[in-house]
Amino acid sequence: MNSEDHTGVAATLGRSDILRIAGNIEDSKVAAIERAGATAADLETAAAWASGLTGVMGEERRPLAGVVAQVYDILTADEDFGEDRD
């Protein structure tokens, strides 16, 4: 993956990039992330939040916004947060 195109602008991700960063996720989620126009940084941040890595959130713990928030919603759309997991 090339995170920047020849103009220095962050490039959006393709299917293989998304699966490399997010792991084994459903095809519908991959397609939704592609449609959102997420960059690697967007997906990495959303995936860290979705997996509960609090260190990435920083001291301020500001809510997610923009594409990162969209991707977070996509990644967590079918999770049951109230359920205990082993």
C-alpha atoms as a PDB file:
ATOM      1  CA  MET A   1       0.000   0.000   0.000  1.00  0.00           C
ATOM      2  CA  ASN A   2       1.155   3.483  -0.749  1.00  0.00           C
ATOM      3  CA  SER A   3      -0.297   5.780   1.882  1.00  0.00           C
ATOM      4  CA  GLU A   4       0.269   8.859  -0.268  1.00  0.00           C
ATOM      5  CA  ASP A   5      -0.234   9.351  -3.970  1.00  0.00           C
ATOM      6  CA  HIS A   6       2.225  11.281  -6.172  1.00  0.00           C
ATOM      7  CA  THR A   7       0.695  14.603  -5.064  1.00  0.00           C
ATOM      8  CA  GLY A   8       1.361  13.914  -1.371  1.00  0.00           C
ATOM      9  CA  VAL A   9      -2.345  13.451  -0.608  1.00  0.00           C
ATOM     10  CA  ALA A  10      -3.275  10.448   1.515  1.00  0.00           C
ATOM     11  CA  ALA A  11      -4.598   7.686  -0.723  1.00  0.00           C
ATOM     12  CA  THR A  12      -7.791   5.786  -0.025  1.00  0.00           C
ATOM     13  CA  LEU A  13      -7.585   2.088   0.704  1.00  0.00           C
ATOM     14  CA  GLY A  14      -8.315  -0.934  -1.414  1.00  0.00           C
ATOM     15  CA  ARG A  15      -9.695  -4.272  -0.247  1.00  0.00           C
ATOM     16  CA  SER A  16      -6.325  -5.892   0.512  1.00  0.00           C
ATOM     17  CA  ASP A  17      -5.198  -2.855   2.527  1.00  0.00           C
ATOM     18  CA  ILE A  18      -8.428  -2.851   4.532  1.00  0.00           C
ATOM     19  CA  LEU A  19      -8.146  -6.558   5.356  1.00  0.00           C
ATOM     20  CA  ARG A  20      -4.481  -6.154   6.317  1.00  0.00           C
ATOM     21  CA  ILE A  21      -5.327  -3.392   8.798  1.00  0.00           C
ATOM     22  CA  ALA A  22      -8.746  -4.496  10.077  1.00  0.00           C
ATOM     23  CA  GLY A  23      -8.283  -8.244   9.906  1.00  0.00           C
ATOM     24  CA  ASN A  24     -10.894 -10.701   8.713  1.00  0.00           C
ATOM     25  CA  ILE A  25     -14.045  -8.596   8.366  1.00  0.00           C
ATOM     26  CA  GLU A  26     -17.174  -9.142   6.292  1.00  0.00           C
ATOM     27  CA  ASP A  27     -17.204  -8.163   2.622  1.00  0.00           C
ATOM     28  CA  SER A  28     -20.017  -5.708   3.284  1.00  0.00           C
ATOM     29  CA  LYS A  29     -17.856  -3.887   5.832  1.00  0.00           C
ATOM     30  CA  VAL A  30     -14.902  -3.795   3.419  1.00  0.00           C
ATOM     31  CA  ALA A  31     -17.139  -2.275   0.746  1.00  0.00           C
ATOM     32  CA  ALA A  32     -18.557   0.288   3.180  1.00  0.00           C
ATOM     33  CA  ILE A  33     -15.054   1.336   4.261  1.00  0.00           C
ATOM     34  CA  GLU A  34     -14.046   1.691   0.604  1.00  0.00           C
ATOM     35  CA  ARG A  35     -17.124   3.859  -0.044  1.00  0.00           C
ATOM     36  CA  ALA A  36     -16.281   6.035   2.963  1.00  0.00           C
ATOM     37  CA  GLY A  37     -12.963   6.905   1.337  1.00  0.00           C
ATOM     38  CA  ALA A  38     -10.937   5.990   4.425  1.00  0.00           C
ATOM     39  CA  THR A  39      -7.175   6.375   4.522  1.00  0.00           C
ATOM     40  CA  ALA A  40      -4.860   3.989   6.359  1.00  0.00           C
ATOM     41  CA  ALA A  41      -4.673   6.451   9.259  1.00  0.00           C
ATOM     42  CA  ASP A  42      -8.490   6.668   9.417  1.00  0.00           C
ATOM     43  CA  LEU A  43      -8.861   2.882   9.510  1.00  0.00           C
ATOM     44  CA  GLU A  44      -6.013   2.355  11.976  1.00  0.00           C
ATOM     45  CA  THR A  45      -7.545   4.866  14.397  1.00  0.00           C
ATOM     46  CA  ALA A  46     -11.061   3.445  14.066  1.00  0.00           C
ATOM     47  CA  ALA A  47      -9.794  -0.123  14.464  1.00  0.00           C
ATOM     48  CA  ALA A  48      -7.853   0.824  17.596  1.00  0.00           C
ATOM     49  CA  TRP A  49     -10.951   2.422  19.124  1.00  0.00           C
ATOM     50  CA  ALA A  50     -13.092  -0.583  18.122  1.00  0.00           C
ATOM     51  CA  SER A  51     -10.654  -2.992  19.758  1.00  0.00           C
ATOM     52  CA  GLY A  52     -10.549  -0.928  22.950  1.00  0.00           C
ATOM     53  CA  LEU A  53      -6.962   0.283  22.750  1.00  0.00           C
ATOM     54  CA  THR A  54      -7.380   3.278  25.025  1.00  0.00           C
ATOM     55  CA  GLY A  55      -3.826   4.571  24.550  1.00  0.00           C
ATOM     56  CA  VAL A  56      -4.719   5.808  21.071  1.00  0.00           C
ATOM     57  CA  MET A  57      -7.518   7.931  22.488  1.00  0.00           C
ATOM     58  CA  GLY A  58      -5.144  10.220  24.363  1.00  0.00           C
ATOM     59  CA  GLU A  59      -5.766  12.309  27.429  1.00  0.00           C
ATOM     60  CA  GLU A  60      -8.638  14.348  26.006  1.00  0.00           C
ATOM     61  CA  ARG A  61     -10.704  11.369  24.811  1.00  0.00           C
ATOM     62  CA  ARG A  62     -12.469  13.489  22.242  1.00  0.00           C
ATOM     63  CA  PRO A  63     -15.199  11.763  20.276  1.00  0.00           C
ATOM     64  CA  LEU A  64     -14.393  10.488  16.818  1.00  0.00           C
ATOM     65  CA  ALA A  65     -15.470  12.619  13.870  1.00  0.00           C
ATOM     66  CA  GLY A  66     -15.642  12.483  10.088  1.00  0.00           C
ATOM     67  CA  VAL A  67     -14.455   9.439   8.189  1.00  0.00           C
ATOM     68  CA  VAL A  68     -12.881   7.899  11.300  1.00  0.00           C
ATOM     69  CA  ALA A  69     -16.270   7.951  13.045  1.00  0.00           C
ATOM     70  CA  GLN A  70     -17.916   6.424   9.957  1.00  0.00           C
ATOM     71  CA  VAL A  71     -15.351   3.632   9.836  1.00  0.00           C
ATOM     72  CA  TYR A  72     -15.681   2.993  13.586  1.00  0.00           C
ATOM     73  CA  ASP A  73     -19.457   2.670  13.136  1.00  0.00           C
ATOM     74  CA  ILE A  74     -18.912   0.240  10.252  1.00  0.00           C
ATOM     75  CA  LEU A  75     -16.484  -1.899  12.234  1.00  0.00           C
ATOM     76  CA  THR A  76     -18.725  -2.066  15.311  1.00  0.00           C
ATOM     77  CA  ALA A  77     -22.134  -2.174  13.620  1.00  0.00           C
ATOM     78  CA  ASP A  78     -23.042  -5.715  14.677  1.00  0.00           C
ATOM     79  CA  GLU A  79     -21.312  -5.958  18.041  1.00  0.00           C
ATOM     80  CA  ASP A  80     -23.221  -6.484  21.277  1.00  0.00           C
ATOM     81  CA  PHE A  81     -21.528  -4.203  23.781  1.00  0.00           C
ATOM     82  CA  GLY A  82     -23.661  -5.336  26.712  1.00  0.00           C
ATOM     83  CA  GLU A  83     -22.712  -8.993  26.344  1.00  0.00           C
ATOM     84  CA  ASP A  84     -19.891 -10.543  28.360  1.00  0.00           C
ATOM     85  CA  ARG A  85     -17.222 -12.140  26.214  1.00  0.00           C
ATOM     86  CA  ASP A  86     -14.734 -14.850  27.162  1.00  0.00           C
END
